[in-house]
Amino acid sequence: MRTRAVAGRAGVVLLALVAIGAAAAQQNVALNRPYICGTDIMGGWTGLVDGVTDSDSGPGCFATADEPDFPKAVTIDLQRPCGINRIAVHSSTNGNTRGIIIYCSQDGVRFEKLREFIFPQAQAITLNHRFNDRPAQFVRVEFTNTWRGGLGGDNVIFVREVEVFGNPTGAAPVVAPPPQPIGDAFVYTRDLRLFRRWAVQGDRPLSIAAFGDSLATCGEGSWPATVAERLRFARPDGGEVTVTDFSHPGMTPDAGTGDITHAIDAEPDVVLVSFGTDMVRWDGEAFRAGLSGVVGRLLAETDALVILIGPAPGTGELIDVARRALEEMERTADVLRVPMLRTEVLMLQEGLSAEDVIGDRGELSEEARLLIATSVLELLLQP
């Protein structure tokens, strides 16, 4: 009996230690961590990971803006690799939140789907999704649709909190990739209006130069050639429009600073500049300096309208490179006041994935070519 009692107490102690270990494995590693939302957030409603699980108002509750585009998604950066085993999503009584999909990722690029779920309308339900340990630094919750009729508009998504339970592994953190770009696909400037007044409505010959990497290369059926052809028909007096190719696959902005002289000597009326599609390794300093040098020389040494064309969306690990190139081109467009087509935003708005944009042979798909050509023409012909 004595031995049995000791063994019983030992069993209790053992169970207690197991319980303590389980509790240690259940810390909320998402608490107060940064997150990115793929759509605008309602002002003041930012409490996605603040630890407040019972609030239906801002800032304790999280809410997106009333934008009709779905899916919407939030991606939480745990800021260090973790082994996670439970994700809790707390819906709100404010309504609208309906279908969700939960993902996790080690690198912020490749995401593994963990769970799909449909919340009932306007009920404070907590989805606790448990699973075996997964290595992850990023957790994404995608909102696929809306019940409509909720607070603030039919398309506002409300979430009281997202919690992620697990333990840091001690491994080195991954640098978060740039988020999926949102907003307008076009950057307009005053130069576009001036171009329309003196060039589109005139009858003098117009010349277009394409400069950059494989996205800008010309040839029969290419989007720069299509732009020239359609612009010629858009001119009321049928003035000639030609396009000259000064690009080649693999060109980077720093290499372009040496090659730009040929494009300048051609005295073009329009220069379409595109970089970043062919890059496989990111060198921000070289890209930034090279792009500024190319665009700066064009503005200083020609009277041409310079238009930046953002890179095609990347796939796999190249998503990071393409989006960093896009960010640098956006900064250059803003600083130097030049118009721009944000290519990935355009493709996303049209429902094209990266696989739809680049074909099996690594070439731009016909659908993507026509879409870029139509959009560049829209820039040139804006009212």
Foldseek 3Di string as FASTA:
>chain_A
DVVVVVVVVVVVVVVVVVVVVVVVFFDFLQAPFDKDKPAAWPPQCPQARPPFQPDPDGVLKTKHAQDQDDWIKMKTFSQFKWFFFKKKWWFALQFWQFKKWKWFAAAQADTDTDDIGTDDTNDGDMDIRGDGTDTGRMMMMIGGGTPAPGPNGGRMGMTSYMTIGGGGPPDHHHDHFDDQDDDDQKDAFPVLVVCCVPPLADQEEAEEEEEEAQLRADDPLFLVVVLQVVSQVSHPVSHHYYYDYQYYHPDALLNVLVSLVVVLVVQGQEYEYEYQQRDPDDDPVSRLVSVCSNVVCCVVRHNHQYEYEQYQQDHDPSNRRSVSSLVSVVVSCVVVVHMYGHLSNQCVVVVHDSDNQADPVRHGDSVSRVSVSVVVSCSNNPD
